[in-house]
Amino acid sequence: MRESARALLRCPVTKATLIDGKGPDGAPELHSLDPERPLAYPVRDGVPILLEFEARSLRD
């Protein structure tokens, strides 16, 4: 995904900025920078899946 397009994406739940990350299995994810409710969204075949029910919490 182009960086300019990626920069426009926001967490659909909290509206926080999303950054590139990796899941526990090493798969690409987008991580929300929301301090109260950090969420991770999967990226499948280069497409971010920004659905709340697909997100996982980044809290321990």
C-alpha atoms as a PDB file:
ATOM      1  CA  MET A   1       0.000   0.000   0.000  1.00  0.00           C
ATOM      2  CA  ARG A   2       1.286   3.461  -0.798  1.00  0.00           C
ATOM      3  CA  GLU A   3       2.464   5.375   2.252  1.00  0.00           C
ATOM      4  CA  SER A   4       0.269   8.353   1.324  1.00  0.00           C
ATOM      5  CA  ALA A   5      -2.831   6.136   1.283  1.00  0.00           C
ATOM      6  CA  ARG A   6      -1.789   4.285   4.455  1.00  0.00           C
ATOM      7  CA  ALA A   7      -1.385   7.595   6.286  1.00  0.00           C
ATOM      8  CA  LEU A   8      -5.089   8.322   5.747  1.00  0.00           C
ATOM      9  CA  LEU A   9      -6.261   5.177   7.546  1.00  0.00           C
ATOM     10  CA  ARG A  10      -7.614   5.484  11.084  1.00  0.00           C
ATOM     11  CA  CYS A  11      -8.917   2.999  13.611  1.00  0.00           C
ATOM     12  CA  PRO A  12     -12.647   2.667  12.882  1.00  0.00           C
ATOM     13  CA  VAL A  13     -13.401   2.255  16.586  1.00  0.00           C
ATOM     14  CA  THR A  14     -11.298   4.967  18.250  1.00  0.00           C
ATOM     15  CA  LYS A  15     -10.237   7.088  15.236  1.00  0.00           C
ATOM     16  CA  ALA A  16      -6.602   6.783  16.385  1.00  0.00           C
ATOM     17  CA  THR A  17      -3.639   6.700  14.027  1.00  0.00           C
ATOM     18  CA  LEU A  18      -2.622   3.271  12.745  1.00  0.00           C
ATOM     19  CA  ILE A  19       0.978   2.145  12.367  1.00  0.00           C
ATOM     20  CA  ASP A  20       2.525  -0.945  10.813  1.00  0.00           C
ATOM     21  CA  GLY A  21       3.028  -3.851  13.182  1.00  0.00           C
ATOM     22  CA  LYS A  22       3.365  -7.613  13.399  1.00  0.00           C
ATOM     23  CA  GLY A  23       1.030 -10.106  15.037  1.00  0.00           C
ATOM     24  CA  PRO A  24       2.079 -12.851  17.431  1.00  0.00           C
ATOM     25  CA  ASP A  25       2.574 -15.143  14.437  1.00  0.00           C
ATOM     26  CA  GLY A  26       4.624 -12.545  12.533  1.00  0.00           C
ATOM     27  CA  ALA A  27       1.785 -11.671  10.153  1.00  0.00           C
ATOM     28  CA  PRO A  28       1.422  -7.990   9.202  1.00  0.00           C
ATOM     29  CA  GLU A  29      -1.046  -5.899  11.176  1.00  0.00           C
ATOM     30  CA  LEU A  30      -1.995  -2.285  11.681  1.00  0.00           C
ATOM     31  CA  HIS A  31      -1.736  -1.166  15.311  1.00  0.00           C
ATOM     32  CA  SER A  32      -3.838   1.610  16.774  1.00  0.00           C
ATOM     33  CA  LEU A  33      -2.020   4.219  18.858  1.00  0.00           C
ATOM     34  CA  ASP A  34      -5.028   4.844  21.095  1.00  0.00           C
ATOM     35  CA  PRO A  35      -3.676   4.851  24.682  1.00  0.00           C
ATOM     36  CA  GLU A  36      -6.939   3.666  26.248  1.00  0.00           C
ATOM     37  CA  ARG A  37      -7.998   1.012  23.744  1.00  0.00           C
ATOM     38  CA  PRO A  38      -5.114  -0.085  21.516  1.00  0.00           C
ATOM     39  CA  LEU A  39      -6.287  -2.494  18.837  1.00  0.00           C
ATOM     40  CA  ALA A  40      -4.579  -4.503  16.102  1.00  0.00           C
ATOM     41  CA  TYR A  41      -6.139  -5.135  12.702  1.00  0.00           C
ATOM     42  CA  PRO A  42      -4.993  -7.910  10.381  1.00  0.00           C
ATOM     43  CA  VAL A  43      -3.626  -7.262   6.905  1.00  0.00           C
ATOM     44  CA  ARG A  44      -4.500 -10.051   4.477  1.00  0.00           C
ATOM     45  CA  ASP A  45      -2.983 -10.183   1.008  1.00  0.00           C
ATOM     46  CA  GLY A  46      -1.949  -6.546   1.452  1.00  0.00           C
ATOM     47  CA  VAL A  47      -5.476  -5.414   2.383  1.00  0.00           C
ATOM     48  CA  PRO A  48      -6.119  -4.026   5.891  1.00  0.00           C
ATOM     49  CA  ILE A  49      -9.217  -5.577   7.470  1.00  0.00           C
ATOM     50  CA  LEU A  50     -10.595  -2.647   9.477  1.00  0.00           C
ATOM     51  CA  LEU A  51     -13.573  -4.377  11.056  1.00  0.00           C
ATOM     52  CA  GLU A  52     -14.118  -4.193  14.802  1.00  0.00           C
ATOM     53  CA  PHE A  53     -14.907  -7.907  15.111  1.00  0.00           C
ATOM     54  CA  GLU A  54     -11.589  -8.734  13.364  1.00  0.00           C
ATOM     55  CA  ALA A  55      -9.532  -6.554  15.757  1.00  0.00           C
ATOM     56  CA  ARG A  56      -7.632  -7.865  18.738  1.00  0.00           C
ATOM     57  CA  SER A  57      -6.615  -5.954  21.829  1.00  0.00           C
ATOM     58  CA  LEU A  58      -2.982  -4.990  22.226  1.00  0.00           C
ATOM     59  CA  ARG A  59      -3.282  -4.953  26.001  1.00  0.00           C
ATOM     60  CA  ASP A  60      -1.693  -7.792  27.938  1.00  0.00           C
END
